[in-house]
């Protein structure tokens, strides 16, 4: 079930295949928190 939810957000098995995160139907006030998660994982 969780895999299906993530695949609908453009999660893919191999990051070399470039697909950006699907942020449809996510309120603008929550988009900054998506960026916070990105900053923590792939940022410094």
ModelCIF file with pLDDT and N, C-alpha, C, O atoms, coordinates in Angstrom:
data_MODEL
#
_entry.id   MODEL 
#
_entity.id                         1 
_entity.type                       polymer 
_entity.pdbx_number_of_molecules   1 
#
_entity_poly.entity_id                      1 
_entity_poly.type                           'polypeptide(L)' 
_entity_poly.nstd_linkage                   no 
_entity_poly.nstd_monomer                   no 
_entity_poly.pdbx_seq_one_letter_code       
;(UNK)(UNK)(UNK)(UNK)(UNK)(UNK)(UNK)(UNK)(UNK)(UNK)(UNK)(UNK)(UNK)(UNK)(UNK)(UNK)
(UNK)(UNK)(UNK)(UNK)(UNK)(UNK)(UNK)(UNK)(UNK)(UNK)(UNK)(UNK)(UNK)(UNK)(UNK)(UNK)
(UNK)(UNK)(UNK)(UNK)(UNK)(UNK)(UNK)(UNK)(UNK)(UNK)(UNK)(UNK)
;
_entity_poly.pdbx_seq_one_letter_code_can   XXXXXXXXXXXXXXXXXXXXXXXXXXXXXXXXXXXXXXXXXXXX 
_entity_poly.pdbx_strand_id                 A 
#
loop_
_entity_poly_seq.entity_id 
_entity_poly_seq.num 
_entity_poly_seq.mon_id 
_entity_poly_seq.hetero 
1 1  UNK n 
1 2  UNK n 
1 3  UNK n 
1 4  UNK n 
1 5  UNK n 
1 6  UNK n 
1 7  UNK n 
1 8  UNK n 
1 9  UNK n 
1 10 UNK n 
1 11 UNK n 
1 12 UNK n 
1 13 UNK n 
1 14 UNK n 
1 15 UNK n 
1 16 UNK n 
1 17 UNK n 
1 18 UNK n 
1 19 UNK n 
1 20 UNK n 
1 21 UNK n 
1 22 UNK n 
1 23 UNK n 
1 24 UNK n 
1 25 UNK n 
1 26 UNK n 
1 27 UNK n 
1 28 UNK n 
1 29 UNK n 
1 30 UNK n 
1 31 UNK n 
1 32 UNK n 
1 33 UNK n 
1 34 UNK n 
1 35 UNK n 
1 36 UNK n 
1 37 UNK n 
1 38 UNK n 
1 39 UNK n 
1 40 UNK n 
1 41 UNK n 
1 42 UNK n 
1 43 UNK n 
1 44 UNK n 
#
_struct_asym.id          A 
_struct_asym.entity_id   1 
#
loop_
_ma_qa_metric.id 
_ma_qa_metric.mode 
_ma_qa_metric.name 
_ma_qa_metric.software_group_id 
_ma_qa_metric.type 
1 global pLDDT . pLDDT 
2 local  pLDDT . pLDDT 
#
_ma_qa_metric_global.metric_id      1 
_ma_qa_metric_global.metric_value   86.73 
_ma_qa_metric_global.model_id       1 
_ma_qa_metric_global.ordinal_id     1 
#
loop_
_ma_qa_metric_local.label_asym_id 
_ma_qa_metric_local.label_comp_id 
_ma_qa_metric_local.label_seq_id 
_ma_qa_metric_local.metric_id 
_ma_qa_metric_local.metric_value 
_ma_qa_metric_local.model_id 
_ma_qa_metric_local.ordinal_id 
A UNK 1  2 95.00 1 1  
A UNK 2  2 94.00 1 2  
A UNK 3  2 93.00 1 3  
A UNK 4  2 93.00 1 4  
A UNK 5  2 94.00 1 5  
A UNK 6  2 94.00 1 6  
A UNK 7  2 91.00 1 7  
A UNK 8  2 92.00 1 8  
A UNK 9  2 93.00 1 9  
A UNK 10 2 89.00 1 10 
A UNK 11 2 86.00 1 11 
A UNK 12 2 75.00 1 12 
A UNK 13 2 69.00 1 13 
A UNK 14 2 59.00 1 14 
A UNK 15 2 55.00 1 15 
A UNK 16 2 50.00 1 16 
A UNK 17 2 53.00 1 17 
A UNK 18 2 63.00 1 18 
A UNK 19 2 77.00 1 19 
A UNK 20 2 87.00 1 20 
A UNK 21 2 90.00 1 21 
A UNK 22 2 92.00 1 22 
A UNK 23 2 92.00 1 23 
A UNK 24 2 91.00 1 24 
A UNK 25 2 92.00 1 25 
A UNK 26 2 95.00 1 26 
A UNK 27 2 94.00 1 27 
A UNK 28 2 91.00 1 28 
A UNK 29 2 94.00 1 29 
A UNK 30 2 97.00 1 30 
A UNK 31 2 96.00 1 31 
A UNK 32 2 96.00 1 32 
A UNK 33 2 96.00 1 33 
A UNK 34 2 95.00 1 34 
A UNK 35 2 95.00 1 35 
A UNK 36 2 94.00 1 36 
A UNK 37 2 94.00 1 37 
A UNK 38 2 92.00 1 38 
A UNK 39 2 92.00 1 39 
A UNK 40 2 92.00 1 40 
A UNK 41 2 89.00 1 41 
A UNK 42 2 87.00 1 42 
A UNK 43 2 87.00 1 43 
A UNK 44 2 81.00 1 44 
#
loop_
_atom_site.group_PDB 
_atom_site.id 
_atom_site.type_symbol 
_atom_site.label_atom_id 
_atom_site.label_alt_id 
_atom_site.label_comp_id 
_atom_site.label_asym_id 
_atom_site.label_entity_id 
_atom_site.label_seq_id 
_atom_site.pdbx_PDB_ins_code 
_atom_site.Cartn_x 
_atom_site.Cartn_y 
_atom_site.Cartn_z 
_atom_site.occupancy 
_atom_site.B_iso_or_equiv 
_atom_site.pdbx_formal_charge 
_atom_site.auth_seq_id 
_atom_site.auth_comp_id 
_atom_site.auth_asym_id 
_atom_site.auth_atom_id 
_atom_site.pdbx_PDB_model_num 
ATOM 1   N N  . UNK A 1 1  ? 0.831  -1.199 0.000   1.00 95.00 ? 1  UNK A N  1 
ATOM 2   C CA . UNK A 1 1  ? 0.000  0.000  0.000   1.00 95.00 ? 1  UNK A CA 1 
ATOM 3   C C  . UNK A 1 1  ? 0.872  1.257  0.000   1.00 95.00 ? 1  UNK A C  1 
ATOM 4   O O  . UNK A 1 1  ? 0.618  2.189  -0.763  1.00 95.00 ? 1  UNK A O  1 
ATOM 5   N N  . UNK A 1 2  ? 1.891  1.283  0.848   1.00 94.00 ? 2  UNK A N  1 
ATOM 6   C CA . UNK A 1 2  ? 2.763  2.449  0.908   1.00 94.00 ? 2  UNK A CA 1 
ATOM 7   C C  . UNK A 1 2  ? 3.552  2.608  -0.376  1.00 94.00 ? 2  UNK A C  1 
ATOM 8   O O  . UNK A 1 2  ? 3.752  3.725  -0.853  1.00 94.00 ? 2  UNK A O  1 
ATOM 9   N N  . UNK A 1 3  ? 4.001  1.494  -0.936  1.00 93.00 ? 3  UNK A N  1 
ATOM 10  C CA . UNK A 1 3  ? 4.725  1.574  -2.205  1.00 93.00 ? 3  UNK A CA 1 
ATOM 11  C C  . UNK A 1 3  ? 3.849  2.236  -3.278  1.00 93.00 ? 3  UNK A C  1 
ATOM 12  O O  . UNK A 1 3  ? 4.335  3.069  -4.043  1.00 93.00 ? 3  UNK A O  1 
ATOM 13  N N  . UNK A 1 4  ? 2.572  1.874  -3.337  1.00 93.00 ? 4  UNK A N  1 
ATOM 14  C CA . UNK A 1 4  ? 1.660  2.452  -4.322  1.00 93.00 ? 4  UNK A CA 1 
ATOM 15  C C  . UNK A 1 4  ? 1.551  3.966  -4.129  1.00 93.00 ? 4  UNK A C  1 
ATOM 16  O O  . UNK A 1 4  ? 1.574  4.722  -5.101  1.00 93.00 ? 4  UNK A O  1 
ATOM 17  N N  . UNK A 1 5  ? 1.432  4.402  -2.877  1.00 94.00 ? 5  UNK A N  1 
ATOM 18  C CA . UNK A 1 5  ? 1.330  5.837  -2.589  1.00 94.00 ? 5  UNK A CA 1 
ATOM 19  C C  . UNK A 1 5  ? 2.582  6.576  -3.040  1.00 94.00 ? 5  UNK A C  1 
ATOM 20  O O  . UNK A 1 5  ? 2.492  7.670  -3.597  1.00 94.00 ? 5  UNK A O  1 
ATOM 21  N N  . UNK A 1 6  ? 3.746  5.986  -2.802  1.00 94.00 ? 6  UNK A N  1 
ATOM 22  C CA . UNK A 1 6  ? 5.006  6.630  -3.166  1.00 94.00 ? 6  UNK A CA 1 
ATOM 23  C C  . UNK A 1 6  ? 5.228  6.615  -4.672  1.00 94.00 ? 6  UNK A C  1 
ATOM 24  O O  . UNK A 1 6  ? 5.755  7.575  -5.233  1.00 94.00 ? 6  UNK A O  1 
ATOM 25  N N  . UNK A 1 7  ? 4.832  5.542  -5.322  1.00 91.00 ? 7  UNK A N  1 
ATOM 26  C CA . UNK A 1 7  ? 4.981  5.480  -6.784  1.00 91.00 ? 7  UNK A CA 1 
ATOM 27  C C  . UNK A 1 7  ? 4.128  6.556  -7.458  1.00 91.00 ? 7  UNK A C  1 
ATOM 28  O O  . UNK A 1 7  ? 4.511  7.104  -8.491  1.00 91.00 ? 7  UNK A O  1 
ATOM 29  N N  . UNK A 1 8  ? 2.978  6.852  -6.869  1.00 92.00 ? 8  UNK A N  1 
ATOM 30  C CA . UNK A 1 8  ? 2.123  7.903  -7.418  1.00 92.00 ? 8  UNK A CA 1 
ATOM 31  C C  . UNK A 1 8  ? 2.756  9.283  -7.270  1.00 92.00 ? 8  UNK A C  1 
ATOM 32  O O  . UNK A 1 8  ? 2.347  10.242 -7.924  1.00 92.00 ? 8  UNK A O  1 
ATOM 33  N N  . UNK A 1 9  ? 3.761  9.365  -6.399  1.00 93.00 ? 9  UNK A N  1 
ATOM 34  C CA . UNK A 1 9  ? 4.510  10.613 -6.215  1.00 93.00 ? 9  UNK A CA 1 
ATOM 35  C C  . UNK A 1 9  ? 5.799  10.615 -7.033  1.00 93.00 ? 9  UNK A C  1 
ATOM 36  O O  . UNK A 1 9  ? 6.669  11.460 -6.824  1.00 93.00 ? 9  UNK A O  1 
ATOM 37  N N  . UNK A 1 10 ? 5.920  9.672  -7.962  1.00 89.00 ? 10 UNK A N  1 
ATOM 38  C CA . UNK A 1 10 ? 7.065  9.564  -8.874  1.00 89.00 ? 10 UNK A CA 1 
ATOM 39  C C  . UNK A 1 10 ? 8.309  8.955  -8.242  1.00 89.00 ? 10 UNK A C  1 
ATOM 40  O O  . UNK A 1 10 ? 9.417  9.180  -8.728  1.00 89.00 ? 10 UNK A O  1 
ATOM 41  N N  . UNK A 1 11 ? 8.145  8.186  -7.165  1.00 86.00 ? 11 UNK A N  1 
ATOM 42  C CA . UNK A 1 11 ? 9.293  7.469  -6.626  1.00 86.00 ? 11 UNK A CA 1 
ATOM 43  C C  . UNK A 1 11 ? 9.650  6.344  -7.590  1.00 86.00 ? 11 UNK A C  1 
ATOM 44  O O  . UNK A 1 11 ? 8.775  5.632  -8.082  1.00 86.00 ? 11 UNK A O  1 
ATOM 45  N N  . UNK A 1 12 ? 10.944 6.191  -7.853  1.00 75.00 ? 12 UNK A N  1 
ATOM 46  C CA . UNK A 1 12 ? 11.417 5.198  -8.805  1.00 75.00 ? 12 UNK A CA 1 
ATOM 47  C C  . UNK A 1 12 ? 12.546 4.385  -8.178  1.00 75.00 ? 12 UNK A C  1 
ATOM 48  O O  . UNK A 1 12 ? 13.230 4.864  -7.274  1.00 75.00 ? 12 UNK A O  1 
ATOM 49  N N  . UNK A 1 13 ? 12.743 3.147  -8.660  1.00 69.00 ? 13 UNK A N  1 
ATOM 50  C CA . UNK A 1 13 ? 13.774 2.281  -8.076  1.00 69.00 ? 13 UNK A CA 1 
ATOM 51  C C  . UNK A 1 13 ? 15.187 2.809  -8.249  1.00 69.00 ? 13 UNK A C  1 
ATOM 52  O O  . UNK A 1 13 ? 16.024 2.644  -7.362  1.00 69.00 ? 13 UNK A O  1 
ATOM 53  N N  . UNK A 1 14 ? 15.461 3.444  -9.386  1.00 59.00 ? 14 UNK A N  1 
ATOM 54  C CA . UNK A 1 14 ? 16.822 3.877  -9.667  1.00 59.00 ? 14 UNK A CA 1 
ATOM 55  C C  . UNK A 1 14 ? 16.846 5.383  -9.876  1.00 59.00 ? 14 UNK A C  1 
ATOM 56  O O  . UNK A 1 14 ? 16.173 5.900  -10.769 1.00 59.00 ? 14 UNK A O  1 
ATOM 57  N N  . UNK A 1 15 ? 17.625 6.095  -9.050  1.00 55.00 ? 15 UNK A N  1 
ATOM 58  C CA . UNK A 1 15 ? 17.621 7.549  -9.108  1.00 55.00 ? 15 UNK A CA 1 
ATOM 59  C C  . UNK A 1 15 ? 18.227 8.087  -10.397 1.00 55.00 ? 15 UNK A C  1 
ATOM 60  O O  . UNK A 1 15 ? 18.053 9.263  -10.719 1.00 55.00 ? 15 UNK A O  1 
ATOM 61  N N  . UNK A 1 16 ? 18.936 7.240  -11.138 1.00 50.00 ? 16 UNK A N  1 
ATOM 62  C CA . UNK A 1 16 ? 19.474 7.669  -12.434 1.00 50.00 ? 16 UNK A CA 1 
ATOM 63  C C  . UNK A 1 16 ? 18.325 7.991  -13.398 1.00 50.00 ? 16 UNK A C  1 
ATOM 64  O O  . UNK A 1 16 ? 18.468 8.814  -14.301 1.00 50.00 ? 16 UNK A O  1 
ATOM 65  N N  . UNK A 1 17 ? 17.180 7.321  -13.186 1.00 53.00 ? 17 UNK A N  1 
ATOM 66  C CA . UNK A 1 17 ? 16.003 7.637  -13.988 1.00 53.00 ? 17 UNK A CA 1 
ATOM 67  C C  . UNK A 1 17 ? 15.383 8.892  -13.372 1.00 53.00 ? 17 UNK A C  1 
ATOM 68  O O  . UNK A 1 17 ? 14.856 8.847  -12.260 1.00 53.00 ? 17 UNK A O  1 
ATOM 69  N N  . UNK A 1 18 ? 15.446 9.975  -14.074 1.00 63.00 ? 18 UNK A N  1 
ATOM 70  C CA . UNK A 1 18 ? 15.103 11.258 -13.470 1.00 63.00 ? 18 UNK A CA 1 
ATOM 71  C C  . UNK A 1 18 ? 13.610 11.563 -13.552 1.00 63.00 ? 18 UNK A C  1 
ATOM 72  O O  . UNK A 1 18 ? 13.053 11.766 -14.631 1.00 63.00 ? 18 UNK A O  1 
ATOM 73  N N  . UNK A 1 19 ? 12.992 11.587 -12.397 1.00 77.00 ? 19 UNK A N  1 
ATOM 74  C CA . UNK A 1 19 ? 11.618 12.041 -12.270 1.00 77.00 ? 19 UNK A CA 1 
ATOM 75  C C  . UNK A 1 19 ? 11.539 12.891 -11.016 1.00 77.00 ? 19 UNK A C  1 
ATOM 76  O O  . UNK A 1 19 ? 11.957 12.466 -9.939  1.00 77.00 ? 19 UNK A O  1 
ATOM 77  N N  . UNK A 1 20 ? 11.001 14.092 -11.159 1.00 87.00 ? 20 UNK A N  1 
ATOM 78  C CA . UNK A 1 20 ? 10.903 14.951 -9.987  1.00 87.00 ? 20 UNK A CA 1 
ATOM 79  C C  . UNK A 1 20 ? 9.687  14.543 -9.156  1.00 87.00 ? 20 UNK A C  1 
ATOM 80  O O  . UNK A 1 20 ? 8.709  14.004 -9.675  1.00 87.00 ? 20 UNK A O  1 
ATOM 81  N N  . UNK A 1 21 ? 9.773  14.808 -7.880  1.00 90.00 ? 21 UNK A N  1 
ATOM 82  C CA . UNK A 1 21 ? 8.692  14.484 -6.958  1.00 90.00 ? 21 UNK A CA 1 
ATOM 83  C C  . UNK A 1 21 ? 7.374  15.116 -7.409  1.00 90.00 ? 21 UNK A C  1 
ATOM 84  O O  . UNK A 1 21 ? 7.324  16.305 -7.723  1.00 90.00 ? 21 UNK A O  1 
ATOM 85  N N  . UNK A 1 22 ? 6.326  14.325 -7.436  1.00 92.00 ? 22 UNK A N  1 
ATOM 86  C CA . UNK A 1 22 ? 4.994  14.813 -7.777  1.00 92.00 ? 22 UNK A CA 1 
ATOM 87  C C  . UNK A 1 22 ? 4.407  15.509 -6.549  1.00 92.00 ? 22 UNK A C  1 
ATOM 88  O O  . UNK A 1 22 ? 4.112  14.861 -5.545  1.00 92.00 ? 22 UNK A O  1 
ATOM 89  N N  . UNK A 1 23 ? 4.239  16.836 -6.632  1.00 92.00 ? 23 UNK A N  1 
ATOM 90  C CA . UNK A 1 23 ? 3.722  17.594 -5.486  1.00 92.00 ? 23 UNK A CA 1 
ATOM 91  C C  . UNK A 1 23 ? 2.287  18.055 -5.711  1.00 92.00 ? 23 UNK A C  1 
ATOM 92  O O  . UNK A 1 23 ? 1.819  18.983 -5.052  1.00 92.00 ? 23 UNK A O  1 
ATOM 93  N N  . UNK A 1 24 ? 1.591  17.408 -6.638  1.00 91.00 ? 24 UNK A N  1 
ATOM 94  C CA . UNK A 1 24 ? 0.181  17.737 -6.867  1.00 91.00 ? 24 UNK A CA 1 
ATOM 95  C C  . UNK A 1 24 ? -0.637 17.502 -5.599  1.00 91.00 ? 24 UNK A C  1 
ATOM 96  O O  . UNK A 1 24 ? -0.367 16.578 -4.832  1.00 91.00 ? 24 UNK A O  1 
ATOM 97  N N  . UNK A 1 25 ? -1.626 18.342 -5.397  1.00 92.00 ? 25 UNK A N  1 
ATOM 98  C CA . UNK A 1 25 ? -2.567 18.203 -4.271  1.00 92.00 ? 25 UNK A CA 1 
ATOM 99  C C  . UNK A 1 25 ? -1.891 18.327 -2.907  1.00 92.00 ? 25 UNK A C  1 
ATOM 100 O O  . UNK A 1 25 ? -2.397 17.808 -1.912  1.00 92.00 ? 25 UNK A O  1 
ATOM 101 N N  . UNK A 1 26 ? -0.759 19.008 -2.861  1.00 95.00 ? 26 UNK A N  1 
ATOM 102 C CA . UNK A 1 26 ? -0.109 19.304 -1.588  1.00 95.00 ? 26 UNK A CA 1 
ATOM 103 C C  . UNK A 1 26 ? -0.171 20.819 -1.401  1.00 95.00 ? 26 UNK A C  1 
ATOM 104 O O  . UNK A 1 26 ? 0.242  21.575 -2.280  1.00 95.00 ? 26 UNK A O  1 
ATOM 105 N N  . UNK A 1 27 ? -0.683 21.253 -0.263  1.00 94.00 ? 27 UNK A N  1 
ATOM 106 C CA . UNK A 1 27 ? -0.865 22.688 -0.042  1.00 94.00 ? 27 UNK A CA 1 
ATOM 107 C C  . UNK A 1 27 ? 0.476  23.414 -0.024  1.00 94.00 ? 27 UNK A C  1 
ATOM 108 O O  . UNK A 1 27 ? 1.498  22.850 0.365   1.00 94.00 ? 27 UNK A O  1 
ATOM 109 N N  . UNK A 1 28 ? 0.451  24.672 -0.450  1.00 91.00 ? 28 UNK A N  1 
ATOM 110 C CA . UNK A 1 28 ? 1.684  25.452 -0.525  1.00 91.00 ? 28 UNK A CA 1 
ATOM 111 C C  . UNK A 1 28 ? 2.359  25.580 0.830   1.00 91.00 ? 28 UNK A C  1 
ATOM 112 O O  . UNK A 1 28 ? 3.587  25.614 0.907   1.00 91.00 ? 28 UNK A O  1 
ATOM 113 N N  . UNK A 1 29 ? 1.581  25.651 1.891   1.00 94.00 ? 29 UNK A N  1 
ATOM 114 C CA . UNK A 1 29 ? 2.186  25.826 3.216   1.00 94.00 ? 29 UNK A CA 1 
ATOM 115 C C  . UNK A 1 29 ? 2.971  24.595 3.653   1.00 94.00 ? 29 UNK A C  1 
ATOM 116 O O  . UNK A 1 29 ? 3.805  24.676 4.554   1.00 94.00 ? 29 UNK A O  1 
ATOM 117 N N  . UNK A 1 30 ? 2.703  23.444 3.011   1.00 97.00 ? 30 UNK A N  1 
ATOM 118 C CA . UNK A 1 30 ? 3.440  22.226 3.350   1.00 97.00 ? 30 UNK A CA 1 
ATOM 119 C C  . UNK A 1 30 ? 4.626  21.986 2.428   1.00 97.00 ? 30 UNK A C  1 
ATOM 120 O O  . UNK A 1 30 ? 5.485  21.157 2.729   1.00 97.00 ? 30 UNK A O  1 
ATOM 121 N N  . UNK A 1 31 ? 4.683  22.702 1.303   1.00 96.00 ? 31 UNK A N  1 
ATOM 122 C CA . UNK A 1 31 ? 5.783  22.497 0.367   1.00 96.00 ? 31 UNK A CA 1 
ATOM 123 C C  . UNK A 1 31 ? 7.136  22.829 0.995   1.00 96.00 ? 31 UNK A C  1 
ATOM 124 O O  . UNK A 1 31 ? 8.141  22.191 0.680   1.00 96.00 ? 31 UNK A O  1 
ATOM 125 N N  . UNK A 1 32 ? 7.164  23.820 1.877   1.00 96.00 ? 32 UNK A N  1 
ATOM 126 C CA . UNK A 1 32 ? 8.422  24.188 2.512   1.00 96.00 ? 32 UNK A CA 1 
ATOM 127 C C  . UNK A 1 32 ? 8.944  23.035 3.366   1.00 96.00 ? 32 UNK A C  1 
ATOM 128 O O  . UNK A 1 32 ? 10.156 22.878 3.513   1.00 96.00 ? 32 UNK A O  1 
ATOM 129 N N  . UNK A 1 33 ? 8.047  22.229 3.929   1.00 96.00 ? 33 UNK A N  1 
ATOM 130 C CA . UNK A 1 33 ? 8.472  21.095 4.756   1.00 96.00 ? 33 UNK A CA 1 
ATOM 131 C C  . UNK A 1 33 ? 9.040  19.968 3.888   1.00 96.00 ? 33 UNK A C  1 
ATOM 132 O O  . UNK A 1 33 ? 9.915  19.223 4.328   1.00 96.00 ? 33 UNK A O  1 
ATOM 133 N N  . UNK A 1 34 ? 8.543  19.847 2.661   1.00 95.00 ? 34 UNK A N  1 
ATOM 134 C CA . UNK A 1 34 ? 9.168  18.923 1.710   1.00 95.00 ? 34 UNK A CA 1 
ATOM 135 C C  . UNK A 1 34 ? 10.605 19.362 1.459   1.00 95.00 ? 34 UNK A C  1 
ATOM 136 O O  . UNK A 1 34 ? 11.518 18.537 1.423   1.00 95.00 ? 34 UNK A O  1 
ATOM 137 N N  . UNK A 1 35 ? 10.799 20.672 1.284   1.00 95.00 ? 35 UNK A N  1 
ATOM 138 C CA . UNK A 1 35 ? 12.139 21.190 1.059   1.00 95.00 ? 35 UNK A CA 1 
ATOM 139 C C  . UNK A 1 35 ? 13.020 20.976 2.286   1.00 95.00 ? 35 UNK A C  1 
ATOM 140 O O  . UNK A 1 35 ? 14.202 20.664 2.145   1.00 95.00 ? 35 UNK A O  1 
ATOM 141 N N  . UNK A 1 36 ? 12.466 21.137 3.485   1.00 94.00 ? 36 UNK A N  1 
ATOM 142 C CA . UNK A 1 36 ? 13.238 20.874 4.698   1.00 94.00 ? 36 UNK A CA 1 
ATOM 143 C C  . UNK A 1 36 ? 13.755 19.430 4.706   1.00 94.00 ? 36 UNK A C  1 
ATOM 144 O O  . UNK A 1 36 ? 14.906 19.174 5.062   1.00 94.00 ? 36 UNK A O  1 
ATOM 145 N N  . UNK A 1 37 ? 12.889 18.495 4.311   1.00 94.00 ? 37 UNK A N  1 
ATOM 146 C CA . UNK A 1 37 ? 13.310 17.097 4.245   1.00 94.00 ? 37 UNK A CA 1 
ATOM 147 C C  . UNK A 1 37 ? 14.413 16.888 3.226   1.00 94.00 ? 37 UNK A C  1 
ATOM 148 O O  . UNK A 1 37 ? 15.347 16.123 3.461   1.00 94.00 ? 37 UNK A O  1 
ATOM 149 N N  . UNK A 1 38 ? 14.304 17.569 2.093   1.00 92.00 ? 38 UNK A N  1 
ATOM 150 C CA . UNK A 1 38 ? 15.355 17.482 1.065   1.00 92.00 ? 38 UNK A CA 1 
ATOM 151 C C  . UNK A 1 38 ? 16.655 18.080 1.581   1.00 92.00 ? 38 UNK A C  1 
ATOM 152 O O  . UNK A 1 38 ? 17.729 17.517 1.368   1.00 92.00 ? 38 UNK A O  1 
ATOM 153 N N  . UNK A 1 39 ? 16.560 19.237 2.271   1.00 92.00 ? 39 UNK A N  1 
ATOM 154 C CA . UNK A 1 39 ? 17.766 19.850 2.832   1.00 92.00 ? 39 UNK A CA 1 
ATOM 155 C C  . UNK A 1 39 ? 18.453 18.909 3.810   1.00 92.00 ? 39 UNK A C  1 
ATOM 156 O O  . UNK A 1 39 ? 19.681 18.822 3.824   1.00 92.00 ? 39 UNK A O  1 
ATOM 157 N N  . UNK A 1 40 ? 17.681 18.204 4.627   1.00 92.00 ? 40 UNK A N  1 
ATOM 158 C CA . UNK A 1 40 ? 18.276 17.292 5.599   1.00 92.00 ? 40 UNK A CA 1 
ATOM 159 C C  . UNK A 1 40 ? 18.923 16.080 4.941   1.00 92.00 ? 40 UNK A C  1 
ATOM 160 O O  . UNK A 1 40 ? 19.961 15.607 5.403   1.00 92.00 ? 40 UNK A O  1 
ATOM 161 N N  . UNK A 1 41 ? 18.325 15.575 3.870   1.00 89.00 ? 41 UNK A N  1 
ATOM 162 C CA . UNK A 1 41 ? 18.827 14.338 3.270   1.00 89.00 ? 41 UNK A CA 1 
ATOM 163 C C  . UNK A 1 41 ? 19.920 14.567 2.239   1.00 89.00 ? 41 UNK A C  1 
ATOM 164 O O  . UNK A 1 41 ? 20.956 13.904 2.292   1.00 89.00 ? 41 UNK A O  1 
ATOM 165 N N  . UNK A 1 42 ? 19.719 15.484 1.308   1.00 87.00 ? 42 UNK A N  1 
ATOM 166 C CA . UNK A 1 42 ? 20.676 15.706 0.222   1.00 87.00 ? 42 UNK A CA 1 
ATOM 167 C C  . UNK A 1 42 ? 21.342 17.070 0.295   1.00 87.00 ? 42 UNK A C  1 
ATOM 168 O O  . UNK A 1 42 ? 21.966 17.511 -0.670  1.00 87.00 ? 42 UNK A O  1 
ATOM 169 N N  . UNK A 1 43 ? 21.214 17.727 1.414   1.00 87.00 ? 43 UNK A N  1 
ATOM 170 C CA . UNK A 1 43 ? 21.793 19.059 1.548   1.00 87.00 ? 43 UNK A CA 1 
ATOM 171 C C  . UNK A 1 43 ? 22.731 19.135 2.734   1.00 87.00 ? 43 UNK A C  1 
ATOM 172 O O  . UNK A 1 43 ? 22.893 18.171 3.482   1.00 87.00 ? 43 UNK A O  1 
ATOM 173 N N  . UNK A 1 44 ? 23.344 20.292 2.895   1.00 81.00 ? 44 UNK A N  1 
ATOM 174 C CA . UNK A 1 44 ? 24.174 20.532 4.071   1.00 81.00 ? 44 UNK A CA 1 
ATOM 175 C C  . UNK A 1 44 ? 24.295 22.029 4.308   1.00 81.00 ? 44 UNK A C  1 
ATOM 176 O O  . UNK A 1 44 ? 24.957 22.453 5.256   1.00 81.00 ? 44 UNK A O  1 
#
